[in-house]
């Protein structure tokens, strides 16, 4: 999976000069903006990263909770919770 993510990053960057993936692309943009002393833009990318990680955490908690109760398919609620 990390190989595929790297290929997507490289292909997107070569095609449109922009990193195109969730965490890896946003983390690279975060570092780039901090390096160029654009702290406000860097903060926005950091918020993207934290939002992604929080969503992953919440989905995992919901899946674990419903796996124990076995009332519904464990993936229904996390999928419905996506915007």
N, C-alpha and C. Protein backbone atom coordinates (compact mmCIF):
# COMPACT_ATOMS: atom_id res chain seq x y z
N UNK A 1 0.82 -1.20 0.00
CA UNK A 1 0.00 0.00 0.00
C UNK A 1 0.85 1.25 0.00
N UNK A 2 1.95 1.22 0.74
CA UNK A 2 2.80 2.41 0.75
C UNK A 2 3.44 2.64 -0.61
N UNK A 3 3.72 1.57 -1.34
CA UNK A 3 4.26 1.71 -2.70
C UNK A 3 3.25 2.40 -3.61
N UNK A 4 1.99 1.96 -3.52
CA UNK A 4 0.94 2.56 -4.34
C UNK A 4 0.75 4.03 -3.95
N UNK A 5 0.77 4.35 -2.65
CA UNK A 5 0.64 5.74 -2.22
C UNK A 5 1.78 6.58 -2.77
N UNK A 6 2.97 6.03 -2.79
CA UNK A 6 4.11 6.76 -3.36
C UNK A 6 3.95 7.01 -4.85
N UNK A 7 3.45 5.99 -5.56
CA UNK A 7 3.22 6.14 -7.00
C UNK A 7 2.15 7.21 -7.26
N UNK A 8 1.09 7.21 -6.46
CA UNK A 8 0.04 8.23 -6.62
C UNK A 8 0.61 9.62 -6.36
N UNK A 9 1.44 9.75 -5.32
CA UNK A 9 2.07 11.04 -5.03
C UNK A 9 2.91 11.53 -6.21
N UNK A 10 3.76 10.65 -6.71
CA UNK A 10 4.67 11.04 -7.79
C UNK A 10 3.88 11.36 -9.06
N UNK A 11 2.91 10.52 -9.41
CA UNK A 11 2.13 10.74 -10.63
C UNK A 11 1.35 12.05 -10.54
N UNK A 12 0.70 12.28 -9.40
CA UNK A 12 -0.04 13.52 -9.23
C UNK A 12 0.87 14.74 -9.28
N UNK A 13 2.03 14.62 -8.67
CA UNK A 13 2.95 15.75 -8.67
C UNK A 13 3.48 16.04 -10.07
N UNK A 14 3.82 14.99 -10.81
CA UNK A 14 4.33 15.20 -12.16
C UNK A 14 3.24 15.71 -13.10
N UNK A 15 2.00 15.28 -12.88
CA UNK A 15 0.91 15.69 -13.77
C UNK A 15 0.45 17.12 -13.52
N UNK A 16 0.25 17.49 -12.26
CA UNK A 16 -0.32 18.81 -11.97
C UNK A 16 0.49 19.61 -10.96
N UNK A 17 1.71 19.18 -10.66
CA UNK A 17 2.59 19.88 -9.72
C UNK A 17 1.95 20.08 -8.36
N UNK A 18 1.19 19.08 -7.93
CA UNK A 18 0.51 19.14 -6.63
C UNK A 18 0.48 17.74 -6.04
N UNK A 19 0.78 17.63 -4.74
CA UNK A 19 0.68 16.34 -4.07
C UNK A 19 -0.79 16.04 -3.84
N UNK A 20 -1.23 14.82 -4.16
CA UNK A 20 -2.65 14.56 -4.28
C UNK A 20 -3.22 13.58 -3.26
N UNK A 21 -2.46 13.08 -2.34
CA UNK A 21 -2.99 12.07 -1.42
C UNK A 21 -3.28 12.69 -0.05
N UNK A 22 -4.01 11.94 0.77
CA UNK A 22 -4.44 12.45 2.07
C UNK A 22 -3.28 12.80 2.98
N UNK A 23 -2.84 11.86 3.77
CA UNK A 23 -1.88 12.16 4.84
C UNK A 23 -0.50 12.47 4.28
N UNK A 24 0.00 11.67 3.35
CA UNK A 24 1.36 11.91 2.86
C UNK A 24 1.47 13.21 2.09
N UNK A 25 0.48 13.49 1.24
CA UNK A 25 0.51 14.74 0.48
C UNK A 25 0.33 15.95 1.36
N UNK A 26 -0.60 15.87 2.30
CA UNK A 26 -0.83 17.00 3.19
C UNK A 26 0.36 17.22 4.13
N UNK A 27 0.99 16.14 4.57
CA UNK A 27 2.16 16.31 5.43
C UNK A 27 3.30 16.97 4.67
N UNK A 28 3.49 16.58 3.42
CA UNK A 28 4.53 17.21 2.60
C UNK A 28 4.22 18.69 2.39
N UNK A 29 2.96 19.02 2.13
CA UNK A 29 2.58 20.43 1.97
C UNK A 29 2.76 21.19 3.27
N UNK A 30 2.43 20.57 4.41
CA UNK A 30 2.61 21.19 5.72
C UNK A 30 4.08 21.57 5.93
N UNK A 31 4.97 20.65 5.68
CA UNK A 31 6.41 20.93 5.85
C UNK A 31 6.86 22.00 4.86
N UNK A 32 6.38 21.93 3.63
CA UNK A 32 6.76 22.91 2.61
C UNK A 32 6.36 24.32 3.03
N UNK A 33 5.12 24.46 3.53
CA UNK A 33 4.65 25.79 3.95
C UNK A 33 5.41 26.30 5.17
N UNK A 34 5.73 25.40 6.10
CA UNK A 34 6.53 25.84 7.26
C UNK A 34 7.93 26.27 6.84
N UNK A 35 8.49 25.54 5.87
CA UNK A 35 9.82 25.89 5.38
C UNK A 35 9.82 27.27 4.74
N UNK A 36 8.73 27.63 4.07
CA UNK A 36 8.62 28.93 3.42
C UNK A 36 8.04 30.01 4.34
N UNK A 37 7.93 29.68 5.62
CA UNK A 37 7.45 30.60 6.66
C UNK A 37 6.01 31.08 6.41
N UNK A 38 5.21 30.22 5.81
CA UNK A 38 3.78 30.50 5.62
C UNK A 38 3.02 29.68 6.66
N UNK A 39 3.05 30.17 7.88
CA UNK A 39 2.52 29.40 9.00
C UNK A 39 1.01 29.20 8.93
N UNK A 40 0.26 30.18 8.40
CA UNK A 40 -1.19 30.03 8.32
C UNK A 40 -1.57 28.90 7.37
N UNK A 41 -0.93 28.85 6.20
CA UNK A 41 -1.20 27.76 5.26
C UNK A 41 -0.74 26.43 5.85
N UNK A 42 0.37 26.44 6.58
CA UNK A 42 0.84 25.22 7.23
C UNK A 42 -0.14 24.72 8.27
N UNK A 43 -0.76 25.64 8.99
CA UNK A 43 -1.75 25.27 10.00
C UNK A 43 -2.96 24.61 9.36
N UNK A 44 -3.36 25.08 8.21
CA UNK A 44 -4.50 24.49 7.51
C UNK A 44 -4.19 23.05 7.12
N UNK A 45 -3.00 22.80 6.61
CA UNK A 45 -2.62 21.42 6.26
C UNK A 45 -2.53 20.55 7.51
N UNK A 46 -2.07 21.11 8.60
CA UNK A 46 -2.01 20.35 9.85
C UNK A 46 -3.43 19.97 10.30
N UNK A 47 -4.38 20.89 10.14
CA UNK A 47 -5.77 20.58 10.48
C UNK A 47 -6.33 19.47 9.59
N UNK A 48 -5.96 19.45 8.31
CA UNK A 48 -6.38 18.36 7.43
C UNK A 48 -5.86 17.02 7.95
N UNK A 49 -4.59 16.99 8.34
CA UNK A 49 -3.98 15.76 8.84
C UNK A 49 -4.67 15.30 10.12
N UNK A 50 -4.88 16.21 11.05
CA UNK A 50 -5.52 15.86 12.32
C UNK A 50 -6.96 15.42 12.12
N UNK A 51 -7.66 16.04 11.19
CA UNK A 51 -9.05 15.64 10.90
C UNK A 51 -9.09 14.22 10.34
N UNK A 52 -8.17 13.90 9.45
CA UNK A 52 -8.10 12.55 8.89
C UNK A 52 -7.82 11.52 9.98
N UNK A 53 -6.87 11.82 10.85
CA UNK A 53 -6.54 10.89 11.92
C UNK A 53 -7.68 10.75 12.92
N UNK A 54 -8.36 11.83 13.23
CA UNK A 54 -9.51 11.77 14.14
C UNK A 54 -10.65 10.93 13.53
N UNK A 55 -10.89 11.11 12.24
CA UNK A 55 -11.91 10.31 11.56
C UNK A 55 -11.57 8.84 11.56
N UNK A 56 -10.31 8.51 11.34
CA UNK A 56 -9.88 7.11 11.38
C UNK A 56 -10.06 6.52 12.77
N UNK A 57 -9.72 7.30 13.78
CA UNK A 57 -9.87 6.85 15.16
C UNK A 57 -11.34 6.60 15.50
N UNK A 58 -12.19 7.55 15.15
CA UNK A 58 -13.63 7.40 15.44
C UNK A 58 -14.23 6.20 14.71
N UNK A 59 -13.84 6.00 13.46
CA UNK A 59 -14.33 4.84 12.70
C UNK A 59 -13.89 3.54 13.36
N UNK A 60 -12.66 3.48 13.81
CA UNK A 60 -12.17 2.27 14.49
C UNK A 60 -12.94 1.99 15.76
N UNK A 61 -13.21 3.03 16.54
CA UNK A 61 -13.98 2.85 17.78
C UNK A 61 -15.38 2.33 17.46
N UNK A 62 -16.05 2.91 16.46
CA UNK A 62 -17.39 2.46 16.09
C UNK A 62 -17.38 1.01 15.61
N UNK A 63 -16.39 0.65 14.80
CA UNK A 63 -16.31 -0.72 14.30
C UNK A 63 -16.09 -1.69 15.44
N UNK A 64 -15.20 -1.36 16.37
CA UNK A 64 -14.96 -2.24 17.52
C UNK A 64 -16.20 -2.38 18.39
N UNK A 65 -16.92 -1.28 18.60
CA UNK A 65 -18.13 -1.32 19.44
C UNK A 65 -19.19 -2.22 18.82
N UNK A 66 -19.45 -2.06 17.54
CA UNK A 66 -20.49 -2.85 16.89
C UNK A 66 -20.05 -4.28 16.61
N UNK A 67 -18.76 -4.53 16.55
CA UNK A 67 -18.29 -5.90 16.39
C UNK A 67 -18.61 -6.71 17.64
N UNK A 68 -18.52 -6.07 18.81
CA UNK A 68 -18.83 -6.77 20.07
C UNK A 68 -20.32 -7.05 20.20
N UNK A 69 -21.18 -6.10 19.83
CA UNK A 69 -22.62 -6.28 20.00
C UNK A 69 -23.24 -7.12 18.88
N UNK A 70 -22.64 -7.12 17.70
CA UNK A 70 -23.10 -7.89 16.54
C UNK A 70 -24.56 -7.59 16.18
N UNK A 71 -25.02 -6.37 16.44
CA UNK A 71 -26.40 -6.00 16.08
C UNK A 71 -26.53 -5.68 14.60
N UNK A 72 -25.58 -4.94 14.06
CA UNK A 72 -25.63 -4.56 12.64
C UNK A 72 -24.26 -4.82 12.03
N UNK A 73 -24.20 -4.69 10.73
CA UNK A 73 -22.92 -4.81 10.05
C UNK A 73 -21.98 -3.72 10.60
N UNK A 74 -20.77 -4.10 10.95
CA UNK A 74 -19.86 -3.19 11.65
C UNK A 74 -19.45 -1.98 10.82
N UNK A 75 -19.61 -2.03 9.51
CA UNK A 75 -19.15 -0.93 8.67
C UNK A 75 -20.26 0.05 8.30
N UNK A 76 -21.50 -0.22 8.70
CA UNK A 76 -22.63 0.62 8.29
C UNK A 76 -22.53 2.00 8.93
N UNK A 77 -22.39 2.09 10.24
CA UNK A 77 -22.39 3.39 10.91
C UNK A 77 -21.19 4.26 10.52
N UNK A 78 -19.95 3.73 10.49
CA UNK A 78 -18.85 4.59 10.05
C UNK A 78 -19.02 5.08 8.61
N UNK A 79 -19.61 4.26 7.74
CA UNK A 79 -19.83 4.69 6.37
C UNK A 79 -20.89 5.78 6.29
N UNK A 80 -21.95 5.64 7.08
CA UNK A 80 -22.99 6.66 7.09
C UNK A 80 -22.52 7.96 7.73
N UNK A 81 -21.55 7.88 8.63
CA UNK A 81 -21.05 9.07 9.32
C UNK A 81 -20.16 9.93 8.43
N UNK A 82 -19.72 9.39 7.30
CA UNK A 82 -18.87 10.18 6.38
C UNK A 82 -19.69 11.29 5.75
N UNK A 83 -19.07 12.47 5.60
CA UNK A 83 -19.80 13.57 4.97
C UNK A 83 -19.97 13.36 3.49
